[in-house]
């Protein structure tokens, strides 16, 4: 099986062709101009991950709190994590860099505040 993807690791945006076995195992990649492209292709075609960014309402503030995951999480879990974030009830004050949720849904990723709300 073949997949054509565009690398997003740098502005070059290499178009890469990834060869996968019938059971989805990574076999090879062509079209990348650096090793980071090959690494990205392997991950994107076998277990895609994303950093999630979101906003959460905070009691005591009209401005919502922007948050992000501390590391990429499996793409297949985005909706579950967003559902969990929608149930949070935060209160002021919140400090930029503060961990809002530790190890969300056992992914190893923390939810981190990206701004302060006094």
PDB file of N, CA and C in Angstrom:
ATOM      1  N   UNK A   1       0.849  -1.159   0.000  1.00  0.00           N
ATOM      2  CA  UNK A   1       0.000   0.000   0.000  1.00  0.00           C
ATOM      3  C   UNK A   1       0.908   1.240   0.000  1.00  0.00           C
ATOM      4  N   UNK A   2       0.520   2.252  -0.739  1.00  0.00           N
ATOM      5  CA  UNK A   2       1.304   3.482  -0.850  1.00  0.00           C
ATOM      6  C   UNK A   2       0.479   4.671  -0.374  1.00  0.00           C
ATOM      7  N   UNK A   3       1.159   5.591   0.332  1.00  0.00           N
ATOM      8  CA  UNK A   3       0.522   6.836   0.747  1.00  0.00           C
ATOM      9  C   UNK A   3       1.421   7.984   0.334  1.00  0.00           C
ATOM     10  N   UNK A   4       0.828   9.056  -0.165  1.00  0.00           N
ATOM     11  CA  UNK A   4       1.576  10.261  -0.498  1.00  0.00           C
ATOM     12  C   UNK A   4       1.206  11.306   0.548  1.00  0.00           C
ATOM     13  N   UNK A   5       2.228  11.824   1.253  1.00  0.00           N
ATOM     14  CA  UNK A   5       1.991  12.807   2.303  1.00  0.00           C
ATOM     15  C   UNK A   5       2.953  13.977   2.129  1.00  0.00           C
ATOM     16  N   UNK A   6       2.626  15.084   2.767  1.00  0.00           N
ATOM     17  CA  UNK A   6       3.497  16.255   2.766  1.00  0.00           C
ATOM     18  C   UNK A   6       4.076  16.409   4.156  1.00  0.00           C
ATOM     19  N   UNK A   7       5.389  16.519   4.233  1.00  0.00           N
ATOM     20  CA  UNK A   7       6.071  16.692   5.517  1.00  0.00           C
ATOM     21  C   UNK A   7       5.791  18.098   6.061  1.00  0.00           C
ATOM     22  N   UNK A   8       5.526  18.180   7.372  1.00  0.00           N
ATOM     23  CA  UNK A   8       5.254  19.473   7.995  1.00  0.00           C
ATOM     24  C   UNK A   8       6.332  19.853   9.009  1.00  0.00           C
ATOM     25  N   UNK A   9       7.478  19.187   8.973  1.00  0.00           N
ATOM     26  CA  UNK A   9       8.546  19.478   9.936  1.00  0.00           C
ATOM     27  C   UNK A   9       9.288  20.775   9.649  1.00  0.00           C
ATOM     28  N   UNK A  10       9.277  21.236   8.435  1.00  0.00           N
ATOM     29  CA  UNK A  10       9.959  22.490   8.105  1.00  0.00           C
ATOM     30  C   UNK A  10       9.241  23.140   6.920  1.00  0.00           C
ATOM     31  N   UNK A  11       9.615  24.354   6.551  1.00  0.00           N
ATOM     32  CA  UNK A  11       8.927  25.057   5.455  1.00  0.00           C
ATOM     33  C   UNK A  11       9.099  24.442   4.061  1.00  0.00           C
ATOM     34  N   UNK A  12      10.041  23.528   3.882  1.00  0.00           N
ATOM     35  CA  UNK A  12      10.257  22.939   2.558  1.00  0.00           C
ATOM     36  C   UNK A  12       9.017  22.174   2.099  1.00  0.00           C
ATOM     37  N   UNK A  13       8.372  21.420   3.009  1.00  0.00           N
ATOM     38  CA  UNK A  13       7.145  20.702   2.670  1.00  0.00           C
ATOM     39  C   UNK A  13       7.348  19.601   1.646  1.00  0.00           C
ATOM     40  N   UNK A  14       8.310  18.733   1.885  1.00  0.00           N
ATOM     41  CA  UNK A  14       8.603  17.639   0.943  1.00  0.00           C
ATOM     42  C   UNK A  14       7.382  16.754   0.724  1.00  0.00           C
ATOM     43  N   UNK A  15       7.112  16.432  -0.540  1.00  0.00           N
ATOM     44  CA  UNK A  15       6.079  15.449  -0.874  1.00  0.00           C
ATOM     45  C   UNK A  15       6.744  14.094  -0.828  1.00  0.00           C
ATOM     46  N   UNK A  16       6.264  13.244   0.039  1.00  0.00           N
ATOM     47  CA  UNK A  16       6.896  11.947   0.243  1.00  0.00           C
ATOM     48  C   UNK A  16       5.940  10.819  -0.116  1.00  0.00           C
ATOM     49  N   UNK A  17       6.506   9.758  -0.637  1.00  0.00           N
ATOM     50  CA  UNK A  17       5.748   8.553  -0.924  1.00  0.00           C
ATOM     51  C   UNK A  17       6.168   7.502   0.092  1.00  0.00           C
ATOM     52  N   UNK A  18       5.191   6.995   0.830  1.00  0.00           N
ATOM     53  CA  UNK A  18       5.449   6.030   1.889  1.00  0.00           C
ATOM     54  C   UNK A  18       4.902   4.683   1.459  1.00  0.00           C
ATOM     55  N   UNK A  19       5.734   3.670   1.602  1.00  0.00           N
ATOM     56  CA  UNK A  19       5.330   2.302   1.272  1.00  0.00           C
ATOM     57  C   UNK A  19       5.067   1.558   2.568  1.00  0.00           C
ATOM     58  N   UNK A  20       3.855   0.996   2.682  1.00  0.00           N
ATOM     59  CA  UNK A  20       3.455   0.222   3.856  1.00  0.00           C
ATOM     60  C   UNK A  20       3.127  -1.200   3.425  1.00  0.00           C
ATOM     61  N   UNK A  21       3.363  -2.145   4.332  1.00  0.00           N
ATOM     62  CA  UNK A  21       2.997  -3.532   4.046  1.00  0.00           C
ATOM     63  C   UNK A  21       1.471  -3.651   4.098  1.00  0.00           C
ATOM     64  N   UNK A  22       0.940  -4.799   3.709  1.00  0.00           N
ATOM     65  CA  UNK A  22      -0.501  -5.015   3.717  1.00  0.00           C
ATOM     66  C   UNK A  22      -1.105  -4.891   5.118  1.00  0.00           C
ATOM     67  N   UNK A  23      -0.295  -5.184   6.156  1.00  0.00           N
ATOM     68  CA  UNK A  23      -0.808  -5.058   7.527  1.00  0.00           C
ATOM     69  C   UNK A  23      -0.458  -3.707   8.160  1.00  0.00           C
ATOM     70  N   UNK A  24      -0.003  -2.748   7.349  1.00  0.00           N
ATOM     71  CA  UNK A  24       0.214  -1.384   7.816  1.00  0.00           C
ATOM     72  C   UNK A  24       1.585  -1.079   8.391  1.00  0.00           C
ATOM     73  N   UNK A  25       2.528  -2.000   8.268  1.00  0.00           N
ATOM     74  CA  UNK A  25       3.880  -1.747   8.766  1.00  0.00           C
ATOM     75  C   UNK A  25       4.649  -0.862   7.791  1.00  0.00           C
ATOM     76  N   UNK A  26       5.426   0.047   8.341  1.00  0.00           N
ATOM     77  CA  UNK A  26       6.248   0.966   7.553  1.00  0.00           C
ATOM     78  C   UNK A  26       7.359   0.179   6.868  1.00  0.00           C
ATOM     79  N   UNK A  27       7.513   0.373   5.554  1.00  0.00           N
ATOM     80  CA  UNK A  27       8.576  -0.293   4.802  1.00  0.00           C
ATOM     81  C   UNK A  27       9.631   0.703   4.319  1.00  0.00           C
ATOM     82  N   UNK A  28       9.188   1.804   3.688  1.00  0.00           N
ATOM     83  CA  UNK A  28      10.159   2.768   3.166  1.00  0.00           C
ATOM     84  C   UNK A  28       9.492   4.101   2.869  1.00  0.00           C
ATOM     85  N   UNK A  29      10.334   5.109   2.661  1.00  0.00           N
ATOM     86  CA  UNK A  29       9.856   6.432   2.276  1.00  0.00           C
ATOM     87  C   UNK A  29      10.808   7.000   1.235  1.00  0.00           C
ATOM     88  N   UNK A  30      10.263   7.705   0.246  1.00  0.00           N
ATOM     89  CA  UNK A  30      11.075   8.420  -0.737  1.00  0.00           C
ATOM     90  C   UNK A  30      10.538   9.836  -0.861  1.00  0.00           C
ATOM     91  N   UNK A  31      11.388  10.739  -1.302  1.00  0.00           N
ATOM     92  CA  UNK A  31      10.981  12.121  -1.513  1.00  0.00           C
ATOM     93  C   UNK A  31      11.374  13.060  -0.395  1.00  0.00           C
ATOM     94  N   UNK A  32      11.811  12.525   0.744  1.00  0.00           N
ATOM     95  CA  UNK A  32      12.243  13.381   1.840  1.00  0.00           C
ATOM     96  C   UNK A  32      13.667  13.868   1.590  1.00  0.00           C
ATOM     97  N   UNK A  33      13.938  15.107   2.004  1.00  0.00           N
ATOM     98  CA  UNK A  33      15.284  15.655   1.805  1.00  0.00           C
ATOM     99  C   UNK A  33      16.107  15.638   3.086  1.00  0.00           C
ATOM    100  N   UNK A  34      15.517  15.182   4.206  1.00  0.00           N
ATOM    101  CA  UNK A  34      16.281  15.091   5.445  1.00  0.00           C
ATOM    102  C   UNK A  34      15.749  13.929   6.290  1.00  0.00           C
ATOM    103  N   UNK A  35      16.507  13.504   7.294  1.00  0.00           N
ATOM    104  CA  UNK A  35      16.074  12.388   8.140  1.00  0.00           C
ATOM    105  C   UNK A  35      14.800  12.687   8.941  1.00  0.00           C
ATOM    106  N   UNK A  36      14.551  13.969   9.249  1.00  0.00           N
ATOM    107  CA  UNK A  36      13.331  14.305   9.986  1.00  0.00           C
ATOM    108  C   UNK A  36      12.092  13.953   9.179  1.00  0.00           C
ATOM    109  N   UNK A  37      12.181  14.085   7.863  1.00  0.00           N
ATOM    110  CA  UNK A  37      11.057  13.727   6.997  1.00  0.00           C
ATOM    111  C   UNK A  37      10.753  12.248   7.069  1.00  0.00           C
ATOM    112  N   UNK A  38      11.792  11.425   7.089  1.00  0.00           N
ATOM    113  CA  UNK A  38      11.595   9.978   7.182  1.00  0.00           C
ATOM    114  C   UNK A  38      10.953   9.605   8.514  1.00  0.00           C
ATOM    115  N   UNK A  39      11.401  10.235   9.584  1.00  0.00           N
ATOM    116  CA  UNK A  39      10.840   9.982  10.903  1.00  0.00           C
ATOM    117  C   UNK A  39       9.374  10.406  10.957  1.00  0.00           C
ATOM    118  N   UNK A  40       9.074  11.576  10.402  1.00  0.00           N
ATOM    119  CA  UNK A  40       7.696  12.069  10.359  1.00  0.00           C
ATOM    120  C   UNK A  40       6.815  11.108   9.551  1.00  0.00           C
ATOM    121  N   UNK A  41       7.299  10.649   8.410  1.00  0.00           N
ATOM    122  CA  UNK A  41       6.522   9.748   7.556  1.00  0.00           C
ATOM    123  C   UNK A  41       6.183   8.452   8.285  1.00  0.00           C
ATOM    124  N   UNK A  42       7.163   7.911   8.995  1.00  0.00           N
ATOM    125  CA  UNK A  42       6.933   6.661   9.748  1.00  0.00           C
ATOM    126  C   UNK A  42       5.823   6.872  10.782  1.00  0.00           C
ATOM    127  N   UNK A  43       5.934   7.944  11.554  1.00  0.00           N
ATOM    128  CA  UNK A  43       4.949   8.207  12.598  1.00  0.00           C
ATOM    129  C   UNK A  43       3.569   8.511  12.001  1.00  0.00           C
ATOM    130  N   UNK A  44       3.521   9.369  11.004  1.00  0.00           N
ATOM    131  CA  UNK A  44       2.244   9.807  10.431  1.00  0.00           C
ATOM    132  C   UNK A  44       1.478   8.655   9.799  1.00  0.00           C
ATOM    133  N   UNK A  45       2.174   7.685   9.254  1.00  0.00           N
ATOM    134  CA  UNK A  45       1.492   6.593   8.558  1.00  0.00           C
ATOM    135  C   UNK A  45       1.215   5.378   9.442  1.00  0.00           C
ATOM    136  N   UNK A  46       1.857   5.295  10.608  1.00  0.00           N
ATOM    137  CA  UNK A  46       1.622   4.146  11.477  1.00  0.00           C
ATOM    138  C   UNK A  46       0.869   4.509  12.755  1.00  0.00           C
ATOM    139  N   UNK A  47       1.200   5.651  13.375  1.00  0.00           N
ATOM    140  CA  UNK A  47       0.500   6.112  14.576  1.00  0.00           C
ATOM    141  C   UNK A  47       0.555   7.634  14.611  1.00  0.00           C
ATOM    142  N   UNK A  48      -0.341   8.291  13.862  1.00  0.00           N
ATOM    143  CA  UNK A  48      -0.306   9.756  13.816  1.00  0.00           C
ATOM    144  C   UNK A  48      -0.593  10.369  15.183  1.00  0.00           C
ATOM    145  N   UNK A  49       0.161  11.419  15.510  1.00  0.00           N
ATOM    146  CA  UNK A  49      -0.004  12.128  16.776  1.00  0.00           C
ATOM    147  C   UNK A  49      -0.139  13.615  16.512  1.00  0.00           C
ATOM    148  N   UNK A  50      -0.811  14.300  17.430  1.00  0.00           N
ATOM    149  CA  UNK A  50      -1.006  15.739  17.314  1.00  0.00           C
ATOM    150  C   UNK A  50      -0.918  16.389  18.692  1.00  0.00           C
ATOM    151  N   UNK A  51      -0.478  17.639  18.720  1.00  0.00           N
ATOM    152  CA  UNK A  51      -0.593  18.460  19.914  1.00  0.00           C
ATOM    153  C   UNK A  51      -1.973  19.097  19.846  1.00  0.00           C
ATOM    154  N   UNK A  52      -2.715  19.024  20.932  1.00  0.00           N
ATOM    155  CA  UNK A  52      -4.052  19.608  20.980  1.00  0.00           C
ATOM    156  C   UNK A  52      -3.959  20.993  21.597  1.00  0.00           C
ATOM    157  N   UNK A  53      -4.648  21.949  21.004  1.00  0.00           N
ATOM    158  CA  UNK A  53      -4.828  23.269  21.607  1.00  0.00           C
ATOM    159  C   UNK A  53      -6.328  23.490  21.740  1.00  0.00           C
ATOM    160  N   UNK A  54      -6.709  24.161  22.815  1.00  0.00           N
ATOM    161  CA  UNK A  54      -8.128  24.394  23.064  1.00  0.00           C
ATOM    162  C   UNK A  54      -8.292  25.593  23.978  1.00  0.00           C
ATOM    163  N   UNK A  55      -9.530  25.999  24.185  1.00  0.00           N
ATOM    164  CA  UNK A  55      -9.850  27.023  25.176  1.00  0.00           C
ATOM    165  C   UNK A  55     -10.892  26.443  26.136  1.00  0.00           C
ATOM    166  N   UNK A  56     -10.755  26.846  27.399  1.00  0.00           N
ATOM    167  CA  UNK A  56     -11.633  26.342  28.454  1.00  0.00           C
ATOM    168  C   UNK A  56     -12.189  27.533  29.218  1.00  0.00           C
ATOM    169  N   UNK A  57     -13.497  27.540  29.504  1.00  0.00           N
ATOM    170  CA  UNK A  57     -14.029  28.630  30.312  1.00  0.00           C
ATOM    171  C   UNK A  57     -13.468  28.581  31.731  1.00  0.00           C
ATOM    172  N   UNK A  58     -13.297  29.746  32.328  1.00  0.00           N
ATOM    173  CA  UNK A  58     -12.785  29.857  33.693  1.00  0.00           C
ATOM    174  C   UNK A  58     -13.766  30.700  34.495  1.00  0.00           C
ATOM    175  N   UNK A  59     -14.245  30.135  35.604  1.00  0.00           N
ATOM    176  CA  UNK A  59     -15.156  30.895  36.465  1.00  0.00           C
ATOM    177  C   UNK A  59     -14.406  32.089  37.027  1.00  0.00           C
ATOM    178  N   UNK A  60     -15.036  33.253  36.969  1.00  0.00           N
ATOM    179  CA  UNK A  60     -14.415  34.471  37.459  1.00  0.00           C
ATOM    180  C   UNK A  60     -13.709  35.253  36.372  1.00  0.00           C
ATOM    181  N   UNK A  61     -13.809  34.776  35.121  1.00  0.00           N
ATOM    182  CA  UNK A  61     -13.156  35.468  34.010  1.00  0.00           C
ATOM    183  C   UNK A  61     -14.056  35.403  32.778  1.00  0.00           C
ATOM    184  N   UNK A  62     -14.118  36.501  32.062  1.00  0.00           N
ATOM    185  CA  UNK A  62     -14.856  36.494  30.785  1.00  0.00           C
ATOM    186  C   UNK A  62     -14.001  35.907  29.671  1.00  0.00           C
ATOM    187  N   UNK A  63     -12.696  35.922  29.878  1.00  0.00           N
ATOM    188  CA  UNK A  63     -11.766  35.409  28.878  1.00  0.00           C
ATOM    189  C   UNK A  63     -11.513  33.923  29.124  1.00  0.00           C
ATOM    190  N   UNK A  64     -11.693  33.074  28.115  1.00  0.00           N
ATOM    191  CA  UNK A  64     -11.396  31.654  28.312  1.00  0.00           C
ATOM    192  C   UNK A  64      -9.888  31.427  28.421  1.00  0.00           C
ATOM    193  N   UNK A  65      -9.533  30.315  28.998  1.00  0.00           N
ATOM    194  CA  UNK A  65      -8.121  29.944  29.171  1.00  0.00           C
ATOM    195  C   UNK A  65      -7.667  29.111  27.982  1.00  0.00           C
ATOM    196  N   UNK A  66      -6.573  29.518  27.351  1.00  0.00           N
ATOM    197  CA  UNK A  66      -5.999  28.700  26.274  1.00  0.00           C
ATOM    198  C   UNK A  66      -5.088  27.644  26.900  1.00  0.00           C
ATOM    199  N   UNK A  67      -5.199  26.423  26.395  1.00  0.00           N
ATOM    200  CA  UNK A  67      -4.420  25.295  26.904  1.00  0.00           C
ATOM    201  C   UNK A  67      -3.871  24.485  25.737  1.00  0.00           C
ATOM    202  N   UNK A  68      -2.900  23.632  26.045  1.00  0.00           N
ATOM    203  CA  UNK A  68      -2.374  22.702  25.047  1.00  0.00           C
ATOM    204  C   UNK A  68      -1.860  21.459  25.743  1.00  0.00           C
ATOM    205  N   UNK A  69      -1.672  20.395  24.975  1.00  0.00           N
ATOM    206  CA  UNK A  69      -1.080  19.191  25.540  1.00  0.00           C
ATOM    207  C   UNK A  69       0.433  19.391  25.638  1.00  0.00           C
ATOM    208  N   UNK A  70       1.037  18.758  26.635  1.00  0.00           N
ATOM    209  CA  UNK A  70       2.475  18.898  26.856  1.00  0.00           C
ATOM    210  C   UNK A  70       3.299  18.129  25.828  1.00  0.00           C
ATOM    211  N   UNK A  71       2.662  17.207  25.115  1.00  0.00           N
ATOM    212  CA  UNK A  71       3.325  16.428  24.074  1.00  0.00           C
ATOM    213  C   UNK A  71       2.246  15.937  23.107  1.00  0.00           C
ATOM    214  N   UNK A  72       2.648  15.482  21.934  1.00  0.00           N
ATOM    215  CA  UNK A  72       1.645  14.964  20.992  1.00  0.00           C
ATOM    216  C   UNK A  72       0.931  13.736  21.553  1.00  0.00           C
ATOM    217  N   UNK A  73      -0.342  13.622  21.238  1.00  0.00           N
ATOM    218  CA  UNK A  73      -1.149  12.470  21.665  1.00  0.00           C
ATOM    219  C   UNK A  73      -1.651  11.758  20.417  1.00  0.00           C
ATOM    220  N   UNK A  74      -2.034  10.490  20.539  1.00  0.00           N
ATOM    221  CA  UNK A  74      -2.550   9.785  19.364  1.00  0.00           C
ATOM    222  C   UNK A  74      -3.745  10.522  18.762  1.00  0.00           C
ATOM    223  N   UNK A  75      -3.697  10.711  17.465  1.00  0.00           N
ATOM    224  CA  UNK A  75      -4.747  11.444  16.752  1.00  0.00           C
ATOM    225  C   UNK A  75      -6.132  10.838  17.004  1.00  0.00           C
ATOM    226  N   UNK A  76      -6.196   9.535  17.155  1.00  0.00           N
ATOM    227  CA  UNK A  76      -7.471   8.858  17.377  1.00  0.00           C
ATOM    228  C   UNK A  76      -8.117   9.241  18.701  1.00  0.00           C
ATOM    229  N   UNK A  77      -7.367   9.849  19.627  1.00  0.00           N
ATOM    230  CA  UNK A  77      -7.904  10.214  20.944  1.00  0.00           C
ATOM    231  C   UNK A  77      -8.324  11.680  21.038  1.00  0.00           C
ATOM    232  N   UNK A  78      -8.215  12.434  19.966  1.00  0.00           N
ATOM    233  CA  UNK A  78      -8.526  13.860  20.017  1.00  0.00           C
ATOM    234  C   UNK A  78      -9.947  14.112  20.520  1.00  0.00           C
ATOM    235  N   UNK A  79     -10.938  13.427  19.987  1.00  0.00           N
ATOM    236  CA  UNK A  79     -12.326  13.679  20.391  1.00  0.00           C
ATOM    237  C   UNK A  79     -12.561  13.302  21.852  1.00  0.00           C
ATOM    238  N   UNK A  80     -11.959  12.223  22.317  1.00  0.00           N
ATOM    239  CA  UNK A  80     -12.094  11.835  23.720  1.00  0.00           C
ATOM    240  C   UNK A  80     -11.498  12.905  24.640  1.00  0.00           C
ATOM    241  N   UNK A  81     -10.328  13.384  24.285  1.00  0.00           N
ATOM    242  CA  UNK A  81      -9.670  14.394  25.112  1.00  0.00           C
ATOM    243  C   UNK A  81     -10.452  15.702  25.083  1.00  0.00           C
ATOM    244  N   UNK A  82     -10.934  16.106  23.920  1.00  0.00           N
ATOM    245  CA  UNK A  82     -11.733  17.324  23.842  1.00  0.00           C
ATOM    246  C   UNK A  82     -13.012  17.173  24.671  1.00  0.00           C
ATOM    247  N   UNK A  83     -13.601  15.999  24.681  1.00  0.00           N
ATOM    248  CA  UNK A  83     -14.772  15.748  25.514  1.00  0.00           C
ATOM    249  C   UNK A  83     -14.453  15.907  26.986  1.00  0.00           C
ATOM    250  N   UNK A  84     -13.313  15.393  27.402  1.00  0.00           N
ATOM    251  CA  UNK A  84     -12.883  15.533  28.796  1.00  0.00           C
ATOM    252  C   UNK A  84     -12.635  16.999  29.135  1.00  0.00           C
ATOM    253  N   UNK A  85     -11.996  17.728  28.222  1.00  0.00           N
ATOM    254  CA  UNK A  85     -11.731  19.153  28.465  1.00  0.00           C
ATOM    255  C   UNK A  85     -13.036  19.934  28.614  1.00  0.00           C
ATOM    256  N   UNK A  86     -14.065  19.524  27.900  1.00  0.00           N
ATOM    257  CA  UNK A  86     -15.336  20.255  27.961  1.00  0.00           C
ATOM    258  C   UNK A  86     -16.030  20.094  29.312  1.00  0.00           C
ATOM    259  N   UNK A  87     -15.599  19.141  30.122  1.00  0.00           N
ATOM    260  CA  UNK A  87     -16.219  18.930  31.441  1.00  0.00           C
ATOM    261  C   UNK A  87     -15.465  19.635  32.560  1.00  0.00           C
ATOM    262  N   UNK A  88     -14.337  20.268  32.249  1.00  0.00           N
ATOM    263  CA  UNK A  88     -13.533  20.905  33.297  1.00  0.00           C
ATOM    264  C   UNK A  88     -14.207  22.160  33.834  1.00  0.00           C
ATOM    265  N   UNK A  89     -14.031  22.390  35.125  1.00  0.00           N
ATOM    266  CA  UNK A  89     -14.516  23.599  35.785  1.00  0.00           C
ATOM    267  C   UNK A  89     -13.328  24.237  36.481  1.00  0.00           C
ATOM    268  N   UNK A  90     -12.758  25.265  35.858  1.00  0.00           N
ATOM    269  CA  UNK A  90     -11.576  25.934  36.409  1.00  0.00           C
ATOM    270  C   UNK A  90     -11.971  27.238  37.081  1.00  0.00           C
ATOM    271  N   UNK A  91     -11.153  27.645  38.030  1.00  0.00           N
ATOM    272  CA  UNK A  91     -11.373  28.891  38.759  1.00  0.00           C
ATOM    273  C   UNK A  91     -10.105  29.739  38.683  1.00  0.00           C
ATOM    274  N   UNK A  92     -10.283  31.060  38.749  1.00  0.00           N
ATOM    275  CA  UNK A  92      -9.130  31.956  38.785  1.00  0.00           C
ATOM    276  C   UNK A  92      -8.469  31.825  40.151  1.00  0.00           C
ATOM    277  N   UNK A  93      -7.192  32.097  40.281  1.00  0.00           N
ATOM    278  CA  UNK A  93      -6.258  32.465  39.222  1.00  0.00           C
ATOM    279  C   UNK A  93      -5.650  31.224  38.561  1.00  0.00           C
ATOM    280  N   UNK A  94      -5.219  31.412  37.336  1.00  0.00           N
ATOM    281  CA  UNK A  94      -4.498  30.382  36.595  1.00  0.00           C
ATOM    282  C   UNK A  94      -3.228  31.032  36.066  1.00  0.00           C
ATOM    283  N   UNK A  95      -2.107  30.321  36.166  1.00  0.00           N
ATOM    284  CA  UNK A  95      -0.822  30.855  35.737  1.00  0.00           C
ATOM    285  C   UNK A  95      -0.336  30.150  34.482  1.00  0.00           C
ATOM    286  N   UNK A  96       0.245  30.905  33.567  1.00  0.00           N
ATOM    287  CA  UNK A  96       0.827  30.322  32.356  1.00  0.00           C
ATOM    288  C   UNK A  96       1.837  29.237  32.746  1.00  0.00           C
ATOM    289  N   UNK A  97       1.718  28.086  32.123  1.00  0.00           N
ATOM    290  CA  UNK A  97       2.607  26.965  32.434  1.00  0.00           C
ATOM    291  C   UNK A  97       2.042  26.020  33.480  1.00  0.00           C
ATOM    292  N   UNK A  98       0.960  26.407  34.123  1.00  0.00           N
ATOM    293  CA  UNK A  98       0.338  25.578  35.152  1.00  0.00           C
ATOM    294  C   UNK A  98      -0.255  24.315  34.528  1.00  0.00           C
ATOM    295  N   UNK A  99      -0.061  23.183  35.198  1.00  0.00           N
ATOM    296  CA  UNK A  99      -0.683  21.937  34.744  1.00  0.00           C
ATOM    297  C   UNK A  99      -2.132  21.957  35.205  1.00  0.00           C
ATOM    298  N   UNK A 100      -3.046  21.911  34.248  1.00  0.00           N
ATOM    299  CA  UNK A 100      -4.478  21.943  34.534  1.00  0.00           C
ATOM    300  C   UNK A 100      -5.010  20.527  34.745  1.00  0.00           C
ATOM    301  N   UNK A 101      -4.513  19.578  33.953  1.00  0.00           N
ATOM    302  CA  UNK A 101      -4.865  18.159  34.092  1.00  0.00           C
ATOM    303  C   UNK A 101      -3.589  17.347  33.881  1.00  0.00           C
ATOM    304  N   UNK A 102      -3.294  16.473  34.814  1.00  0.00           N
ATOM    305  CA  UNK A 102      -2.121  15.593  34.673  1.00  0.00           C
ATOM    306  C   UNK A 102      -2.516  14.305  33.945  1.00  0.00           C
ATOM    307  N   UNK A 103      -1.658  13.886  33.036  1.00  0.00           N
ATOM    308  CA  UNK A 103      -1.799  12.598  32.345  1.00  0.00           C
ATOM    309  C   UNK A 103      -3.230  12.347  31.865  1.00  0.00           C
ATOM    310  N   UNK A 104      -3.710  13.246  31.029  1.00  0.00           N
ATOM    311  CA  UNK A 104      -5.103  13.154  30.570  1.00  0.00           C
ATOM    312  C   UNK A 104      -5.365  11.824  29.866  1.00  0.00           C
ATOM    313  N   UNK A 105      -6.365  11.128  30.327  1.00  0.00           N
ATOM    314  CA  UNK A 105      -6.791   9.828  29.792  1.00  0.00           C
ATOM    315  C   UNK A 105      -5.626   8.849  29.634  1.00  0.00           C
ATOM    316  N   UNK A 106      -4.702   8.893  30.555  1.00  0.00           N
ATOM    317  CA  UNK A 106      -3.536   7.990  30.586  1.00  0.00           C
ATOM    318  C   UNK A 106      -2.715   8.025  29.301  1.00  0.00           C
ATOM    319  N   UNK A 107      -2.604   9.209  28.688  1.00  0.00           N
ATOM    320  CA  UNK A 107      -1.815   9.351  27.461  1.00  0.00           C
ATOM    321  C   UNK A 107      -0.372   9.730  27.755  1.00  0.00           C
ATOM    322  N   UNK A 108      -0.090  10.138  29.000  1.00  0.00           N
ATOM    323  CA  UNK A 108       1.221  10.659  29.334  1.00  0.00           C
ATOM    324  C   UNK A 108       1.337  12.148  29.084  1.00  0.00           C
ATOM    325  N   UNK A 109       0.295  12.748  28.518  1.00  0.00           N
ATOM    326  CA  UNK A 109       0.293  14.185  28.221  1.00  0.00           C
ATOM    327  C   UNK A 109      -0.451  14.957  29.309  1.00  0.00           C
ATOM    328  N   UNK A 110       0.141  16.044  29.745  1.00  0.00           N
ATOM    329  CA  UNK A 110      -0.533  16.949  30.668  1.00  0.00           C
ATOM    330  C   UNK A 110      -1.217  18.046  29.854  1.00  0.00           C
ATOM    331  N   UNK A 111      -2.256  18.641  30.417  1.00  0.00           N
ATOM    332  CA  UNK A 111      -2.891  19.805  29.822  1.00  0.00           C
ATOM    333  C   UNK A 111      -2.299  21.025  30.529  1.00  0.00           C
ATOM    334  N   UNK A 112      -1.674  21.915  29.744  1.00  0.00           N
ATOM    335  CA  UNK A 112      -0.922  23.048  30.272  1.00  0.00           C
ATOM    336  C   UNK A 112      -1.606  24.353  29.885  1.00  0.00           C
ATOM    337  N   UNK A 113      -1.714  25.271  30.853  1.00  0.00           N
ATOM    338  CA  UNK A 113      -2.229  26.612  30.568  1.00  0.00           C
ATOM    339  C   UNK A 113      -1.189  27.370  29.760  1.00  0.00           C
ATOM    340  N   UNK A 114      -1.617  28.050  28.704  1.00  0.00           N
ATOM    341  CA  UNK A 114      -0.670  28.796  27.862  1.00  0.00           C
ATOM    342  C   UNK A 114      -0.756  30.294  28.097  1.00  0.00           C
ATOM    343  N   UNK A 115      -1.567  30.707  29.065  1.00  0.00           N
ATOM    344  CA  UNK A 115      -1.651  32.117  29.439  1.00  0.00           C
ATOM    345  C   UNK A 115      -2.068  32.195  30.890  1.00  0.00           C
ATOM    346  N   UNK A 116      -1.886  33.349  31.483  1.00  0.00           N
ATOM    347  CA  UNK A 116      -2.301  33.572  32.866  1.00  0.00           C
ATOM    348  C   UNK A 116      -3.625  34.310  32.886  1.00  0.00           C
ATOM    349  N   UNK A 117      -4.458  33.937  33.843  1.00  0.00           N
ATOM    350  CA  UNK A 117      -5.708  34.665  34.103  1.00  0.00           C
ATOM    351  C   UNK A 117      -5.724  34.958  35.596  1.00  0.00           C
ATOM    352  N   UNK A 118      -5.543  36.239  35.958  1.00  0.00           N
ATOM    353  CA  UNK A 118      -5.473  36.583  37.393  1.00  0.00           C
ATOM    354  C   UNK A 118      -6.816  36.425  38.101  1.00  0.00           C
TER     355      UNK A 118
END
